[in-house]
Amino acid sequence: MPKMKTHRGMAKRVKVTGTGRLRRRQAMRSHILEKKPSKRTRRLSRETELAAADTARVHRQLGR
């Protein structure tokens, strides 16, 4: 059986922490920023944890 390949698109979007949790960037931060409050854009700039419903699928895509 051949080795399982990492899904490169997912590897570029998700980071695995030292404890094995998955971190991702938040949406709505790439354009139309003038009308969004600074408070909101600062909040969106932080990374957040991946939703529990997605973790199993993403772990599989990352070959873990």
Protein backbone atom coordinates (compact mmCIF):
# COMPACT_ATOMS: atom_id res chain seq x y z
CA MET A 1 0.00 0.00 0.00
CA PRO A 2 1.47 3.42 -0.94
CA LYS A 3 2.10 6.10 1.61
CA MET A 4 -0.74 8.53 2.24
CA LYS A 5 -0.03 12.01 0.92
CA THR A 6 -0.73 15.18 2.86
CA HIS A 7 -3.42 17.40 1.36
CA ARG A 8 -1.20 20.40 0.55
CA GLY A 9 -4.07 22.89 0.42
CA MET A 10 -5.10 21.96 3.95
CA ALA A 11 -1.50 21.99 5.20
CA LYS A 12 -1.21 25.62 4.07
CA ARG A 13 -4.38 26.65 5.90
CA VAL A 14 -4.11 24.76 9.20
CA LYS A 15 -1.34 24.71 11.79
CA VAL A 16 -0.88 21.93 14.33
CA THR A 17 0.14 23.06 17.83
CA GLY A 18 2.60 21.22 20.02
CA THR A 19 -0.23 19.52 21.87
CA GLY A 20 -1.87 18.43 18.60
CA ARG A 21 -4.68 20.98 18.43
CA LEU A 22 -5.52 22.57 15.07
CA ARG A 23 -5.37 26.35 14.55
CA ARG A 24 -6.77 28.28 11.59
CA ARG A 25 -7.04 31.86 10.37
CA GLN A 26 -10.42 33.57 10.55
CA ALA A 27 -12.44 34.63 7.53
CA MET A 28 -13.63 38.18 6.61
CA ARG A 29 -10.18 39.78 7.04
CA SER A 30 -8.95 40.03 3.45
CA HIS A 31 -10.88 42.96 1.94
CA ILE A 32 -13.50 45.69 2.54
CA LEU A 33 -11.78 46.62 5.80
CA GLU A 34 -12.65 50.33 5.92
CA LYS A 35 -16.24 49.77 6.98
CA LYS A 36 -15.37 47.16 9.62
CA PRO A 37 -14.61 48.48 13.11
CA SER A 38 -10.98 48.26 14.25
CA LYS A 39 -12.14 46.17 17.19
CA ARG A 40 -13.55 43.58 14.79
CA THR A 41 -10.50 43.48 12.49
CA ARG A 42 -8.19 43.02 15.48
CA ARG A 43 -10.33 40.13 16.69
CA LEU A 44 -10.36 38.55 13.23
CA SER A 45 -6.57 38.80 12.90
CA ARG A 46 -6.06 36.24 15.69
CA GLU A 47 -5.94 32.53 14.98
CA THR A 48 -8.71 30.39 16.39
CA GLU A 49 -9.21 26.71 17.08
CA LEU A 50 -10.75 24.53 14.39
CA ALA A 51 -14.36 23.45 15.00
CA ALA A 52 -14.75 20.08 16.68
CA ALA A 53 -16.87 18.80 13.79
CA ASP A 54 -14.00 19.37 11.34
CA THR A 55 -11.06 18.01 13.35
CA ALA A 56 -11.35 14.34 12.35
CA ARG A 57 -11.55 15.18 8.63
CA VAL A 58 -8.65 17.64 8.75
CA HIS A 59 -6.46 15.27 10.78
CA ARG A 60 -7.02 12.66 8.07
CA GLN A 61 -6.16 15.17 5.33
CA LEU A 62 -2.95 16.07 7.14
CA GLY A 63 -1.97 12.41 7.37
CA ARG A 64 -2.12 12.26 11.17
